[in-house]
């Protein structure tokens, strides 16, 4: 359970950083960022695999790059649930999902490096 909460906090912080870095992504509050990160995680766990399977020919044709569009779609979908996360359009959702992935990965890497030094 501790790992789940840590990942949720990391993704919430990453979402706040995305909103700070990109003018087309807006987060209303820290609570909204945490709730949106939780819902985004659930949507990615449940809906994303189905979307990947349904679009498998396109994913294979683009050598996996179409998964970036799927990530943008899930980001856009969560933003339209009115949880405090808003995006100005699909382009902002695409960039937001891309930056969120990178920032979340970097923050998770920093936490893992900190755990190894103890």
N, C-alpha and C. Protein backbone atom coordinates (compact mmCIF):
# COMPACT_ATOMS: atom_id res chain seq x y z
N UNK A 1 0.82 -1.20 0.00
CA UNK A 1 0.00 0.00 0.00
C UNK A 1 0.86 1.26 0.00
N UNK A 2 2.01 1.20 0.67
CA UNK A 2 2.91 2.35 0.69
C UNK A 2 3.43 2.71 -0.68
N UNK A 3 3.71 1.68 -1.51
CA UNK A 3 4.18 1.93 -2.87
C UNK A 3 3.10 2.59 -3.72
N UNK A 4 1.86 2.18 -3.50
CA UNK A 4 0.74 2.77 -4.23
C UNK A 4 0.60 4.25 -3.89
N UNK A 5 0.64 4.58 -2.61
CA UNK A 5 0.52 5.98 -2.19
C UNK A 5 1.69 6.82 -2.69
N UNK A 6 2.88 6.26 -2.65
CA UNK A 6 4.05 6.97 -3.14
C UNK A 6 3.92 7.25 -4.64
N UNK A 7 3.47 6.27 -5.40
CA UNK A 7 3.29 6.45 -6.84
C UNK A 7 2.20 7.48 -7.12
N UNK A 8 1.14 7.47 -6.32
CA UNK A 8 0.06 8.45 -6.48
C UNK A 8 0.57 9.86 -6.22
N UNK A 9 1.36 10.02 -5.18
CA UNK A 9 1.92 11.34 -4.85
C UNK A 9 2.88 11.79 -5.95
N UNK A 10 3.71 10.88 -6.44
CA UNK A 10 4.63 11.22 -7.53
C UNK A 10 3.87 11.66 -8.77
N UNK A 11 2.81 10.92 -9.13
CA UNK A 11 2.03 11.29 -10.31
C UNK A 11 1.27 12.60 -10.10
N UNK A 12 0.81 12.85 -8.87
CA UNK A 12 0.16 14.13 -8.58
C UNK A 12 1.13 15.30 -8.72
N UNK A 13 2.35 15.13 -8.19
CA UNK A 13 3.37 16.17 -8.33
C UNK A 13 3.73 16.36 -9.80
N UNK A 14 3.86 15.26 -10.52
CA UNK A 14 4.17 15.35 -11.95
C UNK A 14 3.06 16.09 -12.70
N UNK A 15 1.82 15.85 -12.32
CA UNK A 15 0.71 16.54 -12.97
C UNK A 15 0.74 18.03 -12.67
N UNK A 16 1.10 18.39 -11.44
CA UNK A 16 1.25 19.81 -11.11
C UNK A 16 2.38 20.46 -11.92
N UNK A 17 3.48 19.72 -12.10
CA UNK A 17 4.59 20.24 -12.91
C UNK A 17 4.19 20.40 -14.37
N UNK A 18 3.41 19.46 -14.88
CA UNK A 18 2.93 19.57 -16.26
C UNK A 18 2.07 20.82 -16.42
N UNK A 19 1.19 21.06 -15.45
CA UNK A 19 0.35 22.26 -15.52
C UNK A 19 1.18 23.53 -15.43
N UNK A 20 2.27 23.48 -14.69
CA UNK A 20 3.16 24.64 -14.57
C UNK A 20 3.94 24.87 -15.87
N UNK A 21 4.37 23.77 -16.51
CA UNK A 21 5.22 23.87 -17.70
C UNK A 21 4.45 24.15 -18.99
N UNK A 22 3.24 23.62 -19.10
CA UNK A 22 2.47 23.75 -20.34
C UNK A 22 1.29 24.70 -20.16
N UNK A 23 1.19 25.71 -21.02
CA UNK A 23 0.10 26.67 -20.86
C UNK A 23 -1.29 26.09 -21.18
N UNK A 24 -1.38 24.98 -21.87
CA UNK A 24 -2.68 24.40 -22.23
C UNK A 24 -3.23 23.41 -21.23
N UNK A 25 -2.48 23.14 -20.16
CA UNK A 25 -2.92 22.19 -19.13
C UNK A 25 -3.08 22.96 -17.82
N UNK A 26 -4.23 22.76 -17.17
CA UNK A 26 -4.52 23.50 -15.94
C UNK A 26 -4.99 22.54 -14.86
N UNK A 27 -4.50 22.73 -13.63
CA UNK A 27 -4.93 21.94 -12.48
C UNK A 27 -5.42 22.91 -11.42
N UNK A 28 -6.61 22.66 -10.89
CA UNK A 28 -7.24 23.60 -9.95
C UNK A 28 -6.56 23.63 -8.59
N UNK A 29 -6.10 22.49 -8.09
CA UNK A 29 -5.51 22.43 -6.75
C UNK A 29 -4.67 21.17 -6.61
N UNK A 30 -4.01 21.06 -5.47
CA UNK A 30 -3.23 19.85 -5.18
C UNK A 30 -4.16 18.65 -5.07
N UNK A 31 -5.29 18.84 -4.43
CA UNK A 31 -6.26 17.75 -4.31
C UNK A 31 -6.76 17.31 -5.68
N UNK A 32 -7.03 18.26 -6.55
CA UNK A 32 -7.47 17.94 -7.91
C UNK A 32 -6.38 17.17 -8.66
N UNK A 33 -5.13 17.53 -8.43
CA UNK A 33 -4.02 16.82 -9.07
C UNK A 33 -3.95 15.38 -8.58
N UNK A 34 -4.11 15.16 -7.28
CA UNK A 34 -4.06 13.81 -6.74
C UNK A 34 -5.24 12.96 -7.22
N UNK A 35 -6.44 13.55 -7.22
CA UNK A 35 -7.62 12.82 -7.69
C UNK A 35 -7.49 12.51 -9.18
N UNK A 36 -7.05 13.49 -9.96
CA UNK A 36 -6.86 13.27 -11.40
C UNK A 36 -5.79 12.23 -11.67
N UNK A 37 -4.71 12.23 -10.88
CA UNK A 37 -3.66 11.22 -11.04
C UNK A 37 -4.20 9.83 -10.72
N UNK A 38 -5.04 9.73 -9.69
CA UNK A 38 -5.65 8.45 -9.34
C UNK A 38 -6.56 7.95 -10.45
N UNK A 39 -7.43 8.81 -10.95
CA UNK A 39 -8.34 8.42 -12.03
C UNK A 39 -7.57 8.11 -13.31
N UNK A 40 -6.54 8.87 -13.59
CA UNK A 40 -5.71 8.61 -14.78
C UNK A 40 -5.05 7.23 -14.67
N UNK A 41 -4.58 6.89 -13.47
CA UNK A 41 -4.00 5.57 -13.26
C UNK A 41 -5.02 4.45 -13.46
N UNK A 42 -6.23 4.66 -12.98
CA UNK A 42 -7.28 3.65 -13.16
C UNK A 42 -7.66 3.52 -14.63
N UNK A 43 -7.81 4.65 -15.32
CA UNK A 43 -8.15 4.63 -16.75
C UNK A 43 -7.03 3.95 -17.54
N UNK A 44 -5.78 4.26 -17.20
CA UNK A 44 -4.66 3.62 -17.91
C UNK A 44 -4.59 2.13 -17.63
N UNK A 45 -4.99 1.71 -16.44
CA UNK A 45 -4.96 0.29 -16.11
C UNK A 45 -6.10 -0.48 -16.77
N UNK A 46 -7.26 0.14 -16.90
CA UNK A 46 -8.43 -0.56 -17.42
C UNK A 46 -8.70 -0.33 -18.91
N UNK A 47 -8.65 0.92 -19.34
CA UNK A 47 -9.05 1.26 -20.71
C UNK A 47 -7.89 1.19 -21.70
N UNK A 48 -6.70 1.57 -21.29
CA UNK A 48 -5.56 1.64 -22.21
C UNK A 48 -5.25 0.29 -22.87
N UNK A 49 -5.22 -0.84 -22.11
CA UNK A 49 -4.94 -2.12 -22.79
C UNK A 49 -6.00 -2.48 -23.84
N UNK A 50 -7.24 -2.14 -23.57
CA UNK A 50 -8.30 -2.41 -24.54
C UNK A 50 -8.08 -1.57 -25.80
N UNK A 51 -7.73 -0.31 -25.62
CA UNK A 51 -7.47 0.57 -26.77
C UNK A 51 -6.26 0.10 -27.58
N UNK A 52 -5.24 -0.38 -26.89
CA UNK A 52 -4.05 -0.89 -27.59
C UNK A 52 -4.41 -2.11 -28.43
N UNK A 53 -5.21 -3.01 -27.87
CA UNK A 53 -5.62 -4.21 -28.61
C UNK A 53 -6.49 -3.84 -29.80
N UNK A 54 -7.44 -2.91 -29.59
CA UNK A 54 -8.32 -2.51 -30.69
C UNK A 54 -7.58 -1.80 -31.82
N UNK A 55 -6.51 -1.11 -31.49
CA UNK A 55 -5.76 -0.37 -32.50
C UNK A 55 -4.43 -1.05 -32.83
N UNK A 56 -4.33 -2.33 -32.53
CA UNK A 56 -3.07 -3.05 -32.71
C UNK A 56 -2.48 -2.94 -34.12
N UNK A 57 -3.28 -3.04 -35.19
CA UNK A 57 -2.67 -2.87 -36.51
C UNK A 57 -1.99 -1.51 -36.69
N UNK A 58 -2.61 -0.45 -36.20
CA UNK A 58 -2.03 0.89 -36.31
C UNK A 58 -0.80 1.00 -35.43
N UNK A 59 -0.88 0.43 -34.23
CA UNK A 59 0.27 0.45 -33.32
C UNK A 59 1.46 -0.26 -33.96
N UNK A 60 1.21 -1.40 -34.57
CA UNK A 60 2.30 -2.14 -35.23
C UNK A 60 2.84 -1.38 -36.44
N UNK A 61 1.92 -0.79 -37.22
CA UNK A 61 2.34 -0.04 -38.41
C UNK A 61 3.21 1.15 -38.05
N UNK A 62 2.93 1.79 -36.93
CA UNK A 62 3.69 2.97 -36.52
C UNK A 62 4.83 2.61 -35.55
N UNK A 63 5.09 1.32 -35.42
CA UNK A 63 6.15 0.83 -34.54
C UNK A 63 5.96 1.28 -33.10
N UNK A 64 4.70 1.33 -32.66
CA UNK A 64 4.39 1.67 -31.28
C UNK A 64 4.16 3.13 -31.01
N UNK A 65 4.40 3.99 -31.97
CA UNK A 65 4.24 5.43 -31.74
C UNK A 65 2.78 5.84 -31.55
N UNK A 66 1.86 5.01 -32.04
CA UNK A 66 0.44 5.33 -31.87
C UNK A 66 0.03 5.25 -30.40
N UNK A 67 0.80 4.57 -29.59
CA UNK A 67 0.49 4.53 -28.16
C UNK A 67 0.58 5.92 -27.53
N UNK A 68 1.36 6.81 -28.13
CA UNK A 68 1.38 8.20 -27.66
C UNK A 68 0.02 8.86 -27.86
N UNK A 69 -0.64 8.54 -28.95
CA UNK A 69 -1.98 9.07 -29.21
C UNK A 69 -2.97 8.47 -28.21
N UNK A 70 -2.82 7.19 -27.89
CA UNK A 70 -3.68 6.55 -26.90
C UNK A 70 -3.48 7.20 -25.54
N UNK A 71 -2.23 7.47 -25.17
CA UNK A 71 -1.97 8.16 -23.90
C UNK A 71 -2.61 9.54 -23.89
N UNK A 72 -2.53 10.25 -25.00
CA UNK A 72 -3.15 11.57 -25.09
C UNK A 72 -4.66 11.46 -24.96
N UNK A 73 -5.24 10.44 -25.55
CA UNK A 73 -6.69 10.25 -25.47
C UNK A 73 -7.12 10.00 -24.02
N UNK A 74 -6.38 9.15 -23.30
CA UNK A 74 -6.76 8.89 -21.91
C UNK A 74 -6.58 10.15 -21.05
N UNK A 75 -5.54 10.92 -21.31
CA UNK A 75 -5.32 12.19 -20.61
C UNK A 75 -6.48 13.15 -20.89
N UNK A 76 -6.87 13.24 -22.15
CA UNK A 76 -7.97 14.10 -22.58
C UNK A 76 -9.29 13.65 -21.95
N UNK A 77 -9.48 12.34 -21.89
CA UNK A 77 -10.69 11.77 -21.30
C UNK A 77 -10.80 12.12 -19.82
N UNK A 78 -9.72 11.96 -19.08
CA UNK A 78 -9.73 12.29 -17.64
C UNK A 78 -9.96 13.78 -17.44
N UNK A 79 -9.41 14.60 -18.32
CA UNK A 79 -9.61 16.05 -18.21
C UNK A 79 -11.08 16.42 -18.40
N UNK A 80 -11.80 15.64 -19.18
CA UNK A 80 -13.21 15.93 -19.43
C UNK A 80 -14.14 15.34 -18.37
N UNK A 81 -13.60 14.76 -17.33
CA UNK A 81 -14.42 14.27 -16.22
C UNK A 81 -14.67 15.35 -15.18
N UNK A 82 -14.11 16.55 -15.38
CA UNK A 82 -14.30 17.72 -14.51
C UNK A 82 -13.87 17.43 -13.08
N UNK A 83 -12.63 16.97 -12.95
CA UNK A 83 -12.06 16.68 -11.63
C UNK A 83 -11.11 17.77 -11.17
N UNK A 84 -10.98 18.83 -11.93
CA UNK A 84 -10.04 19.90 -11.61
C UNK A 84 -8.88 19.95 -12.58
N UNK A 85 -8.82 18.99 -13.49
CA UNK A 85 -7.81 18.97 -14.56
C UNK A 85 -8.50 19.38 -15.84
N UNK A 86 -7.98 20.40 -16.50
CA UNK A 86 -8.54 20.82 -17.79
C UNK A 86 -7.43 20.96 -18.81
N UNK A 87 -7.75 20.66 -20.05
CA UNK A 87 -6.82 20.86 -21.16
C UNK A 87 -7.53 21.67 -22.23
N UNK A 88 -6.77 22.47 -22.95
CA UNK A 88 -7.35 23.36 -23.95
C UNK A 88 -7.70 22.65 -25.25
N UNK A 89 -7.13 21.50 -25.52
CA UNK A 89 -7.41 20.78 -26.74
C UNK A 89 -6.62 19.49 -26.79
N UNK A 90 -6.79 18.76 -27.89
CA UNK A 90 -6.11 17.48 -27.99
C UNK A 90 -4.60 17.65 -28.10
N UNK A 91 -4.15 18.72 -28.72
CA UNK A 91 -2.71 18.99 -28.81
C UNK A 91 -2.10 19.20 -27.43
N UNK A 92 -2.81 19.93 -26.60
CA UNK A 92 -2.34 20.13 -25.22
C UNK A 92 -2.36 18.82 -24.45
N UNK A 93 -3.38 17.99 -24.71
CA UNK A 93 -3.45 16.68 -24.06
C UNK A 93 -2.28 15.80 -24.51
N UNK A 94 -1.93 15.87 -25.80
CA UNK A 94 -0.82 15.08 -26.31
C UNK A 94 0.49 15.48 -25.64
N UNK A 95 0.76 16.79 -25.62
CA UNK A 95 1.97 17.27 -24.97
C UNK A 95 1.94 17.01 -23.46
N UNK A 96 0.76 17.19 -22.85
CA UNK A 96 0.62 16.96 -21.43
C UNK A 96 0.90 15.51 -21.05
N UNK A 97 0.37 14.58 -21.83
CA UNK A 97 0.61 13.16 -21.56
C UNK A 97 2.08 12.81 -21.75
N UNK A 98 2.69 13.39 -22.77
CA UNK A 98 4.11 13.13 -23.02
C UNK A 98 4.98 13.67 -21.89
N UNK A 99 4.74 14.91 -21.50
CA UNK A 99 5.53 15.52 -20.42
C UNK A 99 5.24 14.82 -19.09
N UNK A 100 3.99 14.43 -18.86
CA UNK A 100 3.64 13.70 -17.63
C UNK A 100 4.40 12.39 -17.53
N UNK A 101 4.50 11.67 -18.63
CA UNK A 101 5.25 10.42 -18.64
C UNK A 101 6.72 10.66 -18.30
N UNK A 102 7.31 11.66 -18.91
CA UNK A 102 8.73 11.94 -18.69
C UNK A 102 8.98 12.41 -17.26
N UNK A 103 8.17 13.35 -16.78
CA UNK A 103 8.36 13.89 -15.43
C UNK A 103 8.11 12.81 -14.38
N UNK A 104 7.07 12.00 -14.57
CA UNK A 104 6.78 10.92 -13.63
C UNK A 104 7.92 9.91 -13.59
N UNK A 105 8.46 9.60 -14.75
CA UNK A 105 9.59 8.67 -14.81
C UNK A 105 10.81 9.23 -14.08
N UNK A 106 11.11 10.51 -14.33
CA UNK A 106 12.26 11.13 -13.67
C UNK A 106 12.09 11.19 -12.16
N UNK A 107 10.89 11.57 -11.69
CA UNK A 107 10.65 11.62 -10.25
C UNK A 107 10.73 10.23 -9.63
N UNK A 108 10.19 9.22 -10.31
CA UNK A 108 10.27 7.85 -9.81
C UNK A 108 11.72 7.38 -9.75
N UNK A 109 12.51 7.77 -10.74
CA UNK A 109 13.94 7.40 -10.76
C UNK A 109 14.67 8.04 -9.59
N UNK A 110 14.34 9.29 -9.28
CA UNK A 110 14.98 9.96 -8.15
C UNK A 110 14.64 9.27 -6.83
N UNK A 111 13.41 8.84 -6.70
CA UNK A 111 12.99 8.14 -5.48
C UNK A 111 13.71 6.81 -5.37
N UNK A 112 13.82 6.08 -6.48
CA UNK A 112 14.51 4.79 -6.46
C UNK A 112 15.99 4.95 -6.14
N UNK A 113 16.63 5.99 -6.68
CA UNK A 113 18.04 6.25 -6.39
C UNK A 113 18.19 6.58 -4.92
N UNK A 114 17.28 7.36 -4.36
CA UNK A 114 17.33 7.69 -2.95
C UNK A 114 17.16 6.46 -2.07
N UNK A 115 16.36 5.50 -2.50
CA UNK A 115 16.15 4.27 -1.74
C UNK A 115 17.39 3.39 -1.75
N UNK A 116 18.15 3.39 -2.83
CA UNK A 116 19.34 2.54 -2.95
C UNK A 116 20.49 3.02 -2.08
N UNK A 117 20.54 4.32 -1.82
CA UNK A 117 21.66 4.86 -1.05
C UNK A 117 21.51 4.61 0.45
N UNK A 118 20.37 4.20 0.90
CA UNK A 118 20.16 3.95 2.33
C UNK A 118 20.65 2.60 2.75
